[in-house]
């Protein structure tokens, strides 16, 4: 008898619990949705700092029905993520290292989709006297002035193996310097080891010179009111071309090559090229980036690098 009473009590508690859970709950049954495919991409910091990728990301997510996991990093880190297979595609801006990455079998289907230019910014008073110089001449003057008066003349470097850092090292080489000697030459040369935005802010705080892409400079000038100004901005070496590369599924079988190919073809499409050509024009009076088809100077990629659609991947 005692056992029967306990069973009845337990049964009653279960019924009460179920009824309580139903109070206030609609009877409508909602369908379960398949989770979105996660697509991983590593992209250079300038697309993040300027907000361009924030504009493009939701458009592609809806188009491809994916959820994008994005790592914003310098080109060197993005390439390393690609080598390890941690991402499905990369967006970078260092042609020499891109060539090596592809030759080593890690990347395929590179397409260029945008470009801008670098500049050297610094104090309006220009204590190193680089105004009117070429990039190489400016670096030579900065080196001499920095050694002679390190309290007044400083140069802030990304120092992070990014595409911007690679461009800086290329300019030092063109000026006839060994980069390791430059970076160890004294307190006038300051390495930050961070992205373009934080590097600009540090250069501004220190009233130092800095190499920056013009898009990020304009974005941070509007956002933070920089005191440093562009001083040298005309030199063919300042050309800065962006590329999207798919991770080779033969190197990393888990890479989502079909989505990567879709992204690359979308980036070179007329739709996105129009977006790139107008992005920022209202706020800055000019677009922050330029459509790749307009690149017609020495150093620009061949036409097929931005007009030839990526074919469907069929394996070996």
C-alpha atoms as a PDB file:
ATOM      1  CA  UNK A   1       0.000   0.000   0.000  1.00  0.00           C
ATOM      2  CA  UNK A   2       2.769   2.389   0.955  1.00  0.00           C
ATOM      3  CA  UNK A   3       4.520   1.672  -2.359  1.00  0.00           C
ATOM      4  CA  UNK A   4       1.320   2.399  -4.348  1.00  0.00           C
ATOM      5  CA  UNK A   5       0.891   5.746  -2.590  1.00  0.00           C
ATOM      6  CA  UNK A   6       4.452   6.771  -3.507  1.00  0.00           C
ATOM      7  CA  UNK A   7       3.891   5.862  -7.156  1.00  0.00           C
ATOM      8  CA  UNK A   8       0.660   7.873  -7.272  1.00  0.00           C
ATOM      9  CA  UNK A   9       2.369  10.891  -5.708  1.00  0.00           C
ATOM     10  CA  UNK A  10       5.280  10.724  -8.187  1.00  0.00           C
ATOM     11  CA  UNK A  11       2.903  10.414 -11.119  1.00  0.00           C
ATOM     12  CA  UNK A  12       0.960  13.420  -9.899  1.00  0.00           C
ATOM     13  CA  UNK A  13       4.135  15.483  -9.624  1.00  0.00           C
ATOM     14  CA  UNK A  14       5.108  14.618 -13.208  1.00  0.00           C
ATOM     15  CA  UNK A  15       1.680  15.695 -14.509  1.00  0.00           C
ATOM     16  CA  UNK A  16       1.821  18.967 -12.553  1.00  0.00           C
ATOM     17  CA  UNK A  17       5.318  19.651 -13.883  1.00  0.00           C
ATOM     18  CA  UNK A  18       4.233  19.081 -17.471  1.00  0.00           C
ATOM     19  CA  UNK A  19       1.175  21.299 -17.097  1.00  0.00           C
ATOM     20  CA  UNK A  20       3.259  24.077 -15.530  1.00  0.00           C
ATOM     21  CA  UNK A  21       5.710  23.916 -18.405  1.00  0.00           C
ATOM     22  CA  UNK A  22       2.888  24.382 -20.898  1.00  0.00           C
ATOM     23  CA  UNK A  23       1.463  27.514 -19.247  1.00  0.00           C
ATOM     24  CA  UNK A  24       1.973  30.539 -21.473  1.00  0.00           C
ATOM     25  CA  UNK A  25       3.697  28.496 -24.229  1.00  0.00           C
ATOM     26  CA  UNK A  26       2.245  28.623 -27.736  1.00  0.00           C
ATOM     27  CA  UNK A  27       1.319  25.318 -29.288  1.00  0.00           C
ATOM     28  CA  UNK A  28       3.007  26.228 -32.605  1.00  0.00           C
ATOM     29  CA  UNK A  29       5.853  23.917 -33.576  1.00  0.00           C
ATOM     30  CA  UNK A  30       8.766  25.739 -35.222  1.00  0.00           C
ATOM     31  CA  UNK A  31      10.820  23.918 -37.867  1.00  0.00           C
ATOM     32  CA  UNK A  32      14.439  23.146 -37.121  1.00  0.00           C
ATOM     33  CA  UNK A  33      16.915  24.792 -39.485  1.00  0.00           C
ATOM     34  CA  UNK A  34      20.131  23.238 -40.624  1.00  0.00           C
ATOM     35  CA  UNK A  35      23.100  25.116 -39.156  1.00  0.00           C
ATOM     36  CA  UNK A  36      24.869  27.384 -41.601  1.00  0.00           C
ATOM     37  CA  UNK A  37      28.162  26.188 -43.000  1.00  0.00           C
ATOM     38  CA  UNK A  38      31.078  27.981 -41.343  1.00  0.00           C
ATOM     39  CA  UNK A  39      33.566  29.460 -43.791  1.00  0.00           C
ATOM     40  CA  UNK A  40      36.931  30.548 -42.424  1.00  0.00           C
ATOM     41  CA  UNK A  41      38.941  33.402 -43.908  1.00  0.00           C
ATOM     42  CA  UNK A  42      42.027  35.357 -42.874  1.00  0.00           C
ATOM     43  CA  UNK A  43      42.164  38.896 -44.213  1.00  0.00           C
ATOM     44  CA  UNK A  44      44.562  41.796 -44.009  1.00  0.00           C
ATOM     45  CA  UNK A  45      43.892  44.393 -41.324  1.00  0.00           C
ATOM     46  CA  UNK A  46      43.256  47.273 -43.734  1.00  0.00           C
ATOM     47  CA  UNK A  47      39.951  45.731 -44.838  1.00  0.00           C
ATOM     48  CA  UNK A  48      38.976  45.598 -41.167  1.00  0.00           C
ATOM     49  CA  UNK A  49      40.291  49.027 -40.167  1.00  0.00           C
ATOM     50  CA  UNK A  50      38.452  50.743 -43.014  1.00  0.00           C
ATOM     51  CA  UNK A  51      35.207  48.845 -42.500  1.00  0.00           C
ATOM     52  CA  UNK A  52      35.082  47.535 -46.074  1.00  0.00           C
ATOM     53  CA  UNK A  53      34.861  43.917 -45.002  1.00  0.00           C
ATOM     54  CA  UNK A  54      32.067  44.718 -42.537  1.00  0.00           C
ATOM     55  CA  UNK A  55      30.159  46.001 -45.559  1.00  0.00           C
ATOM     56  CA  UNK A  56      30.918  42.991 -47.764  1.00  0.00           C
ATOM     57  CA  UNK A  57      30.606  40.213 -45.192  1.00  0.00           C
ATOM     58  CA  UNK A  58      26.808  40.103 -44.692  1.00  0.00           C
ATOM     59  CA  UNK A  59      26.204  40.344 -48.439  1.00  0.00           C
ATOM     60  CA  UNK A  60      28.296  37.254 -49.145  1.00  0.00           C
ATOM     61  CA  UNK A  61      26.932  35.363 -46.133  1.00  0.00           C
ATOM     62  CA  UNK A  62      23.423  35.757 -47.501  1.00  0.00           C
ATOM     63  CA  UNK A  63      24.501  34.948 -51.044  1.00  0.00           C
ATOM     64  CA  UNK A  64      26.341  31.743 -50.112  1.00  0.00           C
ATOM     65  CA  UNK A  65      24.230  30.823 -47.048  1.00  0.00           C
ATOM     66  CA  UNK A  66      27.319  30.604 -44.848  1.00  0.00           C
ATOM     67  CA  UNK A  67      28.548  31.983 -41.554  1.00  0.00           C
ATOM     68  CA  UNK A  68      31.955  33.588 -41.989  1.00  0.00           C
ATOM     69  CA  UNK A  69      34.619  33.195 -39.321  1.00  0.00           C
ATOM     70  CA  UNK A  70      37.093  35.991 -40.025  1.00  0.00           C
ATOM     71  CA  UNK A  71      40.584  36.462 -38.655  1.00  0.00           C
ATOM     72  CA  UNK A  72      41.979  39.961 -39.182  1.00  0.00           C
ATOM     73  CA  UNK A  73      45.750  39.705 -39.336  1.00  0.00           C
ATOM     74  CA  UNK A  74      48.796  40.864 -41.221  1.00  0.00           C
ATOM     75  CA  UNK A  75      49.676  39.117 -44.457  1.00  0.00           C
ATOM     76  CA  UNK A  76      52.405  37.002 -42.825  1.00  0.00           C
ATOM     77  CA  UNK A  77      50.002  35.586 -40.240  1.00  0.00           C
ATOM     78  CA  UNK A  78      47.282  35.066 -42.856  1.00  0.00           C
ATOM     79  CA  UNK A  79      49.695  33.074 -45.013  1.00  0.00           C
ATOM     80  CA  UNK A  80      50.696  30.973 -42.007  1.00  0.00           C
ATOM     81  CA  UNK A  81      47.046  30.204 -41.258  1.00  0.00           C
ATOM     82  CA  UNK A  82      46.720  29.112 -44.870  1.00  0.00           C
ATOM     83  CA  UNK A  83      49.771  26.859 -44.678  1.00  0.00           C
ATOM     84  CA  UNK A  84      48.365  25.157 -41.589  1.00  0.00           C
ATOM     85  CA  UNK A  85      44.913  24.755 -43.123  1.00  0.00           C
ATOM     86  CA  UNK A  86      43.270  26.808 -40.388  1.00  0.00           C
ATOM     87  CA  UNK A  87      41.264  28.805 -42.944  1.00  0.00           C
ATOM     88  CA  UNK A  88      39.540  28.186 -46.278  1.00  0.00           C
ATOM     89  CA  UNK A  89      40.743  31.350 -48.043  1.00  0.00           C
ATOM     90  CA  UNK A  90      43.034  34.304 -47.457  1.00  0.00           C
ATOM     91  CA  UNK A  91      43.105  37.939 -48.550  1.00  0.00           C
ATOM     92  CA  UNK A  92      46.616  39.371 -48.641  1.00  0.00           C
ATOM     93  CA  UNK A  93      48.782  42.018 -50.333  1.00  0.00           C
ATOM     94  CA  UNK A  94      52.338  40.860 -50.881  1.00  0.00           C
ATOM     95  CA  UNK A  95      52.864  39.499 -54.393  1.00  0.00           C
ATOM     96  CA  UNK A  96      56.263  37.888 -53.724  1.00  0.00           C
ATOM     97  CA  UNK A  97      55.048  35.862 -50.759  1.00  0.00           C
ATOM     98  CA  UNK A  98      51.787  35.050 -52.540  1.00  0.00           C
ATOM     99  CA  UNK A  99      53.832  33.567 -55.397  1.00  0.00           C
ATOM    100  CA  UNK A 100      55.806  31.452 -52.927  1.00  0.00           C
ATOM    101  CA  UNK A 101      52.622  30.338 -51.139  1.00  0.00           C
ATOM    102  CA  UNK A 102      51.098  29.182 -54.423  1.00  0.00           C
ATOM    103  CA  UNK A 103      54.318  27.583 -55.699  1.00  0.00           C
ATOM    104  CA  UNK A 104      54.557  25.568 -52.474  1.00  0.00           C
ATOM    105  CA  UNK A 105      51.110  24.114 -53.169  1.00  0.00           C
ATOM    106  CA  UNK A 106      49.148  25.783 -50.391  1.00  0.00           C
ATOM    107  CA  UNK A 107      47.034  28.153 -52.469  1.00  0.00           C
ATOM    108  CA  UNK A 108      45.203  28.147 -55.794  1.00  0.00           C
ATOM    109  CA  UNK A 109      42.974  30.411 -57.854  1.00  0.00           C
ATOM    110  CA  UNK A 110      44.496  33.771 -56.899  1.00  0.00           C
ATOM    111  CA  UNK A 111      42.536  36.714 -58.205  1.00  0.00           C
ATOM    112  CA  UNK A 112      43.296  40.390 -57.576  1.00  0.00           C
ATOM    113  CA  UNK A 113      40.253  42.490 -56.766  1.00  0.00           C
ATOM    114  CA  UNK A 114      41.309  45.912 -55.423  1.00  0.00           C
ATOM    115  CA  UNK A 115      44.223  48.253 -54.947  1.00  0.00           C
ATOM    116  CA  UNK A 116      45.272  51.433 -53.185  1.00  0.00           C
ATOM    117  CA  UNK A 117      48.559  53.136 -52.361  1.00  0.00           C
ATOM    118  CA  UNK A 118      50.940  53.557 -49.469  1.00  0.00           C
ATOM    119  CA  UNK A 119      52.188  56.888 -48.178  1.00  0.00           C
ATOM    120  CA  UNK A 120      54.675  58.177 -45.636  1.00  0.00           C
ATOM    121  CA  UNK A 121      53.027  60.323 -42.986  1.00  0.00           C
ATOM    122  CA  UNK A 122      54.684  62.343 -40.263  1.00  0.00           C
ATOM    123  CA  UNK A 123      54.667  65.621 -38.328  1.00  0.00           C
ATOM    124  CA  UNK A 124      53.501  68.608 -40.353  1.00  0.00           C
ATOM    125  CA  UNK A 125      56.793  70.332 -39.529  1.00  0.00           C
ATOM    126  CA  UNK A 126      58.648  67.517 -41.337  1.00  0.00           C
ATOM    127  CA  UNK A 127      61.813  67.650 -39.199  1.00  0.00           C
ATOM    128  CA  UNK A 128      63.567  65.072 -41.434  1.00  0.00           C
ATOM    129  CA  UNK A 129      62.904  67.181 -44.544  1.00  0.00           C
ATOM    130  CA  UNK A 130      61.463  64.362 -46.684  1.00  0.00           C
ATOM    131  CA  UNK A 131      58.844  66.449 -48.505  1.00  0.00           C
ATOM    132  CA  UNK A 132      59.224  66.076 -52.298  1.00  0.00           C
ATOM    133  CA  UNK A 133      61.411  62.957 -52.030  1.00  0.00           C
ATOM    134  CA  UNK A 134      60.916  59.549 -53.545  1.00  0.00           C
ATOM    135  CA  UNK A 135      60.173  56.739 -51.089  1.00  0.00           C
ATOM    136  CA  UNK A 136      63.805  55.559 -51.090  1.00  0.00           C
ATOM    137  CA  UNK A 137      65.154  59.107 -50.698  1.00  0.00           C
ATOM    138  CA  UNK A 138      62.741  59.714 -47.838  1.00  0.00           C
ATOM    139  CA  UNK A 139      63.907  56.593 -46.002  1.00  0.00           C
ATOM    140  CA  UNK A 140      67.544  57.611 -46.469  1.00  0.00           C
ATOM    141  CA  UNK A 141      66.818  61.030 -44.968  1.00  0.00           C
ATOM    142  CA  UNK A 142      64.840  59.467 -42.122  1.00  0.00           C
ATOM    143  CA  UNK A 143      67.746  57.166 -41.276  1.00  0.00           C
ATOM    144  CA  UNK A 144      70.267  59.987 -41.183  1.00  0.00           C
ATOM    145  CA  UNK A 145      68.009  62.372 -39.271  1.00  0.00           C
ATOM    146  CA  UNK A 146      66.951  59.658 -36.833  1.00  0.00           C
ATOM    147  CA  UNK A 147      70.530  58.787 -35.978  1.00  0.00           C
ATOM    148  CA  UNK A 148      71.509  62.440 -35.573  1.00  0.00           C
ATOM    149  CA  UNK A 149      68.468  63.541 -33.552  1.00  0.00           C
ATOM    150  CA  UNK A 150      66.496  60.535 -32.233  1.00  0.00           C
ATOM    151  CA  UNK A 151      64.507  62.697 -29.829  1.00  0.00           C
ATOM    152  CA  UNK A 152      63.021  64.683 -32.705  1.00  0.00           C
ATOM    153  CA  UNK A 153      62.919  62.211 -35.606  1.00  0.00           C
ATOM    154  CA  UNK A 154      61.371  58.804 -35.055  1.00  0.00           C
ATOM    155  CA  UNK A 155      59.948  56.168 -37.386  1.00  0.00           C
ATOM    156  CA  UNK A 156      57.248  53.747 -36.244  1.00  0.00           C
ATOM    157  CA  UNK A 157      57.195  50.393 -38.034  1.00  0.00           C
ATOM    158  CA  UNK A 158      54.446  47.773 -38.101  1.00  0.00           C
ATOM    159  CA  UNK A 159      57.155  45.195 -37.379  1.00  0.00           C
ATOM    160  CA  UNK A 160      54.597  42.400 -37.750  1.00  0.00           C
ATOM    161  CA  UNK A 161      55.521  40.617 -40.998  1.00  0.00           C
ATOM    162  CA  UNK A 162      52.471  42.164 -42.676  1.00  0.00           C
ATOM    163  CA  UNK A 163      52.185  43.295 -46.270  1.00  0.00           C
ATOM    164  CA  UNK A 164      52.868  46.842 -45.109  1.00  0.00           C
ATOM    165  CA  UNK A 165      55.941  45.687 -43.219  1.00  0.00           C
ATOM    166  CA  UNK A 166      57.133  43.823 -46.346  1.00  0.00           C
ATOM    167  CA  UNK A 167      56.704  47.001 -48.385  1.00  0.00           C
ATOM    168  CA  UNK A 168      58.715  48.938 -45.812  1.00  0.00           C
ATOM    169  CA  UNK A 169      61.559  46.411 -46.027  1.00  0.00           C
ATOM    170  CA  UNK A 170      61.443  46.627 -49.822  1.00  0.00           C
ATOM    171  CA  UNK A 171      61.845  50.414 -49.666  1.00  0.00           C
ATOM    172  CA  UNK A 172      64.770  50.105 -47.256  1.00  0.00           C
ATOM    173  CA  UNK A 173      66.387  47.684 -49.696  1.00  0.00           C
ATOM    174  CA  UNK A 174      65.771  50.044 -52.605  1.00  0.00           C
ATOM    175  CA  UNK A 175      67.424  52.804 -50.573  1.00  0.00           C
ATOM    176  CA  UNK A 176      70.516  50.637 -50.175  1.00  0.00           C
ATOM    177  CA  UNK A 177      70.084  49.585 -46.540  1.00  0.00           C
ATOM    178  CA  UNK A 178      70.215  46.221 -44.820  1.00  0.00           C
ATOM    179  CA  UNK A 179      66.943  46.007 -42.912  1.00  0.00           C
ATOM    180  CA  UNK A 180      68.384  44.251 -39.869  1.00  0.00           C
ATOM    181  CA  UNK A 181      70.899  47.059 -39.474  1.00  0.00           C
ATOM    182  CA  UNK A 182      68.108  49.630 -39.712  1.00  0.00           C
ATOM    183  CA  UNK A 183      65.898  48.002 -37.084  1.00  0.00           C
ATOM    184  CA  UNK A 184      68.813  47.760 -34.669  1.00  0.00           C
ATOM    185  CA  UNK A 185      70.251  51.205 -35.378  1.00  0.00           C
ATOM    186  CA  UNK A 186      68.829  53.058 -32.394  1.00  0.00           C
ATOM    187  CA  UNK A 187      65.859  54.383 -30.453  1.00  0.00           C
ATOM    188  CA  UNK A 188      64.615  56.458 -33.381  1.00  0.00           C
ATOM    189  CA  UNK A 189      63.294  53.235 -35.001  1.00  0.00           C
ATOM    190  CA  UNK A 190      60.291  51.862 -33.101  1.00  0.00           C
ATOM    191  CA  UNK A 191      58.653  48.492 -33.861  1.00  0.00           C
ATOM    192  CA  UNK A 192      55.033  48.097 -32.814  1.00  0.00           C
ATOM    193  CA  UNK A 193      54.181  44.530 -33.830  1.00  0.00           C
ATOM    194  CA  UNK A 194      50.530  45.447 -34.358  1.00  0.00           C
ATOM    195  CA  UNK A 195      48.014  46.274 -37.080  1.00  0.00           C
ATOM    196  CA  UNK A 196      47.886  49.416 -39.181  1.00  0.00           C
ATOM    197  CA  UNK A 197      45.374  51.260 -37.009  1.00  0.00           C
ATOM    198  CA  UNK A 198      47.234  50.926 -33.702  1.00  0.00           C
ATOM    199  CA  UNK A 199      50.507  51.710 -35.489  1.00  0.00           C
ATOM    200  CA  UNK A 200      49.065  54.949 -36.839  1.00  0.00           C
ATOM    201  CA  UNK A 201      47.812  55.924 -33.394  1.00  0.00           C
ATOM    202  CA  UNK A 202      51.230  55.311 -31.854  1.00  0.00           C
ATOM    203  CA  UNK A 203      52.978  57.303 -34.594  1.00  0.00           C
ATOM    204  CA  UNK A 204      50.507  60.103 -34.029  1.00  0.00           C
ATOM    205  CA  UNK A 205      51.090  60.079 -30.263  1.00  0.00           C
ATOM    206  CA  UNK A 206      54.867  60.110 -30.748  1.00  0.00           C
ATOM    207  CA  UNK A 207      54.749  62.626 -33.625  1.00  0.00           C
ATOM    208  CA  UNK A 208      56.729  60.111 -35.636  1.00  0.00           C
ATOM    209  CA  UNK A 209      56.924  59.119 -39.277  1.00  0.00           C
ATOM    210  CA  UNK A 210      55.105  56.006 -40.470  1.00  0.00           C
ATOM    211  CA  UNK A 211      54.418  54.026 -43.650  1.00  0.00           C
ATOM    212  CA  UNK A 212      50.693  53.417 -44.027  1.00  0.00           C
ATOM    213  CA  UNK A 213      48.156  52.538 -46.672  1.00  0.00           C
ATOM    214  CA  UNK A 214      46.129  55.573 -47.618  1.00  0.00           C
ATOM    215  CA  UNK A 215      42.782  53.882 -46.913  1.00  0.00           C
ATOM    216  CA  UNK A 216      43.541  53.161 -43.272  1.00  0.00           C
ATOM    217  CA  UNK A 217      45.135  56.587 -42.852  1.00  0.00           C
ATOM    218  CA  UNK A 218      41.988  58.320 -44.105  1.00  0.00           C
ATOM    219  CA  UNK A 219      39.733  56.127 -41.960  1.00  0.00           C
ATOM    220  CA  UNK A 220      41.707  56.813 -38.780  1.00  0.00           C
ATOM    221  CA  UNK A 221      42.086  60.479 -39.568  1.00  0.00           C
ATOM    222  CA  UNK A 222      38.308  60.786 -39.737  1.00  0.00           C
ATOM    223  CA  UNK A 223      37.766  58.622 -36.666  1.00  0.00           C
ATOM    224  CA  UNK A 224      40.565  59.852 -34.420  1.00  0.00           C
ATOM    225  CA  UNK A 225      41.641  63.211 -35.839  1.00  0.00           C
ATOM    226  CA  UNK A 226      45.301  62.480 -36.560  1.00  0.00           C
ATOM    227  CA  UNK A 227      47.846  65.269 -36.214  1.00  0.00           C
ATOM    228  CA  UNK A 228      50.395  63.618 -38.518  1.00  0.00           C
ATOM    229  CA  UNK A 229      49.887  64.326 -42.220  1.00  0.00           C
ATOM    230  CA  UNK A 230      50.790  62.704 -45.550  1.00  0.00           C
ATOM    231  CA  UNK A 231      54.218  63.956 -46.621  1.00  0.00           C
ATOM    232  CA  UNK A 232      55.409  61.578 -49.370  1.00  0.00           C
ATOM    233  CA  UNK A 233      52.699  59.895 -51.444  1.00  0.00           C
ATOM    234  CA  UNK A 234      53.932  59.762 -55.033  1.00  0.00           C
ATOM    235  CA  UNK A 235      56.143  56.835 -55.998  1.00  0.00           C
ATOM    236  CA  UNK A 236      55.391  53.731 -58.110  1.00  0.00           C
ATOM    237  CA  UNK A 237      56.619  51.545 -55.243  1.00  0.00           C
ATOM    238  CA  UNK A 238      53.624  52.680 -53.198  1.00  0.00           C
ATOM    239  CA  UNK A 239      51.237  50.569 -55.331  1.00  0.00           C
ATOM    240  CA  UNK A 240      49.352  48.140 -53.062  1.00  0.00           C
ATOM    241  CA  UNK A 241      47.353  45.328 -54.709  1.00  0.00           C
ATOM    242  CA  UNK A 242      44.983  43.001 -52.816  1.00  0.00           C
ATOM    243  CA  UNK A 243      44.448  39.351 -53.745  1.00  0.00           C
ATOM    244  CA  UNK A 244      42.109  36.565 -52.668  1.00  0.00           C
ATOM    245  CA  UNK A 245      43.510  33.029 -52.680  1.00  0.00           C
ATOM    246  CA  UNK A 246      41.736  29.718 -52.051  1.00  0.00           C
ATOM    247  CA  UNK A 247      43.426  27.118 -49.879  1.00  0.00           C
ATOM    248  CA  UNK A 248      44.412  24.126 -51.977  1.00  0.00           C
ATOM    249  CA  UNK A 249      42.288  21.087 -50.988  1.00  0.00           C
ATOM    250  CA  UNK A 250      45.094  18.814 -52.150  1.00  0.00           C
ATOM    251  CA  UNK A 251      47.217  20.261 -49.336  1.00  0.00           C
ATOM    252  CA  UNK A 252      44.306  20.450 -46.872  1.00  0.00           C
ATOM    253  CA  UNK A 253      41.392  18.156 -47.841  1.00  0.00           C
ATOM    254  CA  UNK A 254      39.061  19.859 -45.367  1.00  0.00           C
ATOM    255  CA  UNK A 255      39.280  23.232 -47.144  1.00  0.00           C
ATOM    256  CA  UNK A 256      35.911  24.412 -48.454  1.00  0.00           C
ATOM    257  CA  UNK A 257      37.109  24.994 -51.996  1.00  0.00           C
ATOM    258  CA  UNK A 258      33.665  25.459 -53.565  1.00  0.00           C
ATOM    259  CA  UNK A 259      32.783  28.323 -51.217  1.00  0.00           C
ATOM    260  CA  UNK A 260      36.256  29.817 -51.591  1.00  0.00           C
ATOM    261  CA  UNK A 261      35.887  29.792 -55.374  1.00  0.00           C
ATOM    262  CA  UNK A 262      32.452  31.388 -55.059  1.00  0.00           C
ATOM    263  CA  UNK A 263      33.918  34.139 -52.862  1.00  0.00           C
ATOM    264  CA  UNK A 264      36.759  34.833 -55.297  1.00  0.00           C
ATOM    265  CA  UNK A 265      34.469  35.027 -58.319  1.00  0.00           C
ATOM    266  CA  UNK A 266      32.145  37.290 -56.352  1.00  0.00           C
ATOM    267  CA  UNK A 267      34.978  39.656 -55.420  1.00  0.00           C
ATOM    268  CA  UNK A 268      35.891  40.174 -59.094  1.00  0.00           C
ATOM    269  CA  UNK A 269      32.247  40.498 -60.157  1.00  0.00           C
ATOM    270  CA  UNK A 270      30.836  43.768 -61.447  1.00  0.00           C
ATOM    271  CA  UNK A 271      28.653  44.006 -58.326  1.00  0.00           C
ATOM    272  CA  UNK A 272      31.558  44.039 -55.884  1.00  0.00           C
ATOM    273  CA  UNK A 273      33.811  46.092 -58.136  1.00  0.00           C
ATOM    274  CA  UNK A 274      31.108  48.785 -58.104  1.00  0.00           C
ATOM    275  CA  UNK A 275      30.963  48.604 -54.300  1.00  0.00           C
ATOM    276  CA  UNK A 276      34.740  48.938 -54.037  1.00  0.00           C
ATOM    277  CA  UNK A 277      34.724  51.886 -56.429  1.00  0.00           C
ATOM    278  CA  UNK A 278      32.285  53.864 -54.292  1.00  0.00           C
ATOM    279  CA  UNK A 279      32.982  52.695 -50.734  1.00  0.00           C
ATOM    280  CA  UNK A 280      33.868  55.674 -48.566  1.00  0.00           C
ATOM    281  CA  UNK A 281      33.230  58.321 -51.228  1.00  0.00           C
ATOM    282  CA  UNK A 282      30.537  60.071 -49.185  1.00  0.00           C
ATOM    283  CA  UNK A 283      32.592  60.252 -45.975  1.00  0.00           C
ATOM    284  CA  UNK A 284      36.007  60.932 -47.511  1.00  0.00           C
ATOM    285  CA  UNK A 285      35.242  62.555 -50.848  1.00  0.00           C
ATOM    286  CA  UNK A 286      36.941  59.618 -52.593  1.00  0.00           C
ATOM    287  CA  UNK A 287      36.727  55.843 -52.493  1.00  0.00           C
ATOM    288  CA  UNK A 288      39.016  54.156 -49.982  1.00  0.00           C
ATOM    289  CA  UNK A 289      39.931  51.405 -52.433  1.00  0.00           C
ATOM    290  CA  UNK A 290      40.021  51.232 -56.208  1.00  0.00           C
ATOM    291  CA  UNK A 291      38.525  48.550 -58.484  1.00  0.00           C
ATOM    292  CA  UNK A 292      41.324  46.416 -59.847  1.00  0.00           C
ATOM    293  CA  UNK A 293      40.351  46.988 -63.497  1.00  0.00           C
ATOM    294  CA  UNK A 294      41.531  50.581 -63.156  1.00  0.00           C
ATOM    295  CA  UNK A 295      45.083  49.536 -62.272  1.00  0.00           C
ATOM    296  CA  UNK A 296      47.142  50.450 -65.345  1.00  0.00           C
ATOM    297  CA  UNK A 297      50.587  51.364 -64.004  1.00  0.00           C
ATOM    298  CA  UNK A 298      53.789  49.338 -63.693  1.00  0.00           C
ATOM    299  CA  UNK A 299      53.342  46.654 -61.063  1.00  0.00           C
ATOM    300  CA  UNK A 300      49.661  46.096 -61.767  1.00  0.00           C
ATOM    301  CA  UNK A 301      48.626  42.448 -62.228  1.00  0.00           C
ATOM    302  CA  UNK A 302      47.912  41.004 -65.677  1.00  0.00           C
ATOM    303  CA  UNK A 303      44.318  41.290 -66.874  1.00  0.00           C
ATOM    304  CA  UNK A 304      43.610  37.568 -66.501  1.00  0.00           C
ATOM    305  CA  UNK A 305      44.355  37.851 -62.770  1.00  0.00           C
ATOM    306  CA  UNK A 306      41.113  39.736 -62.262  1.00  0.00           C
ATOM    307  CA  UNK A 307      38.899  38.922 -65.255  1.00  0.00           C
ATOM    308  CA  UNK A 308      39.194  35.141 -65.661  1.00  0.00           C
ATOM    309  CA  UNK A 309      36.545  33.414 -63.502  1.00  0.00           C
ATOM    310  CA  UNK A 310      37.720  30.634 -61.239  1.00  0.00           C
ATOM    311  CA  UNK A 311      36.562  27.292 -62.674  1.00  0.00           C
ATOM    312  CA  UNK A 312      34.669  24.690 -60.686  1.00  0.00           C
ATOM    313  CA  UNK A 313      36.993  22.464 -58.683  1.00  0.00           C
ATOM    314  CA  UNK A 314      36.964  18.871 -59.924  1.00  0.00           C
ATOM    315  CA  UNK A 315      39.909  17.451 -58.001  1.00  0.00           C
ATOM    316  CA  UNK A 316      42.896  15.714 -59.512  1.00  0.00           C
END
